[in-house]
Amino acid sequence: MGRHWLTSRHPYDIEIGRLVAFPNLMSLLVEIVDANSGIDEASTYNAPPKFKKSAEHLIRTTDSTVVKLSENKPPSVKKVKTGVKVKTEPSESTVSSGSGFPPRTKDTVKPRSAYRKEDLPGFILSDPQGRWHKKFLPTLILLLGSVSNPFDLHETSLLQFAQSTFHIIYPEVRDFTITSAGPIVAKILQRFCEWRSNFGSTAIALILDFMAHDKTRDPIEVATAMLEDRRFLYEDMQFPQKHEIYRSTFIVTLLGSVHLNAIQGHATVPTLKTDELAHSGMQGAVGMCSAAVERALTLIQKGHIDVNKSLKSIKGGKLSITLPKSLNKYTGKQSSTPYIFSDQLWGRAVRSYAHSISTRGNEYIHDIVQLARETVQGTGVLPLSTDVGSDEPEELDERAYL
């Protein structure tokens, strides 16, 4: 199969740091609809001419993802290891005098999926600086993007990350311990779920944008060619070079638009080495980008997403894609679960890609991060690899040896 159209010198391809813009794909709200739960993934995708660096031209996420995901049960996390002592979350937090924050009133423990923003401690809700969204969550996302499998972060590690970050961001709040059963962890997990989902939906938007440039070619043929030898990972897809892997426009754009945007404003937490993480510790995030693009291409290759039909469905700035349904033999119901971007389906791929890029060293990762920065408007410093996942050997696949 000829692949002259895969080279960056041909207009069908897209150059690093650039993406061809199509009027009908500008500022779209992309909704990936699950057969059972409604929206599985959602993101707003902007494809600016030559990727100009202005705020209105960024790929950005929307609150619709948060709203939908907060109504679903967050992914389960592993139980706290025996011997790890965690204080019971106090009914009141002791706040330094003059801080202006009201004391925390006693709450009833709820299932994680039942917690809402209003359940957060009063000093967070009344914080005029908005540190919860502007600093606390971005810092935890930065940390999540540094682990080998962001789908599966141990609860003990999450509590450690959250508590260490909390002390730095809320120094005026004393004697406050974050517990696994409280609203803080529940809302963190909901944000993590949104972040992971945005990789899946934004990757689909990127691939649709790419294929919309030349409607004379069969999308299935294009997807098949890009998946062969995983050419979608390379800067030049026609002549892939080992030293250019993970530098494709798809990976760089996805890393910048989803991850770097999400960690803007993150705090510096010395005990967690966030400055090092910010420099070159994004193998988990790069793994998510790589797996998300592979999944998007696979859905098209197998006919689960009809590119032409999807592009024609755009209405009112919204692109809605319904994933196919299959029978769940355990529940007896039709479900889109086999097609979503999940740990069960794509966790191994994420771990393998993360392992592959980590073998190339910190400077290689840093160069990719810098390329990604060029696609968004200044993000400050970003993540070294501190894998705090399972101590057990991880099962990888051929992607780990790319």
Foldseek 3Di string as FASTA:
>chain_A
DDDPCLFCVHVLAAAQQAAAADVLLAQFWEFAQKPPQGGQFIWTQHHDGRLDADPSRFGGGDCVLLVSLLQDQFDDADDDDPPDDFDDFDQWWDFDPPPPFDTHHGDDFDRLSPDDPVQDGRNCVPPPVNCVQQALLLQVLLQLLQALFSQYAHPVVVQVSNVLQCCVSRVRIPPGGDDCRGNVVSSSSSVSSNLLSHLQRNLLSRLLSSCVVDVVDQLLVVLVLCPVVVLQQASRSNDRDPLGGNSHNQLLSSCQRRNLVSNFNYDDRVVSPFLAFLQFRRLLSSLSSSLSNNLSSVCVNVPQWDSVVQSVPRDPSYGYTYGAWDADPVVRDTINVVRGSHCVNCRQSSSLSSLQVVVVDRVSRNVSNVSSCSSYPDRPGGTRRDHPHDPDDDDHDPSNND
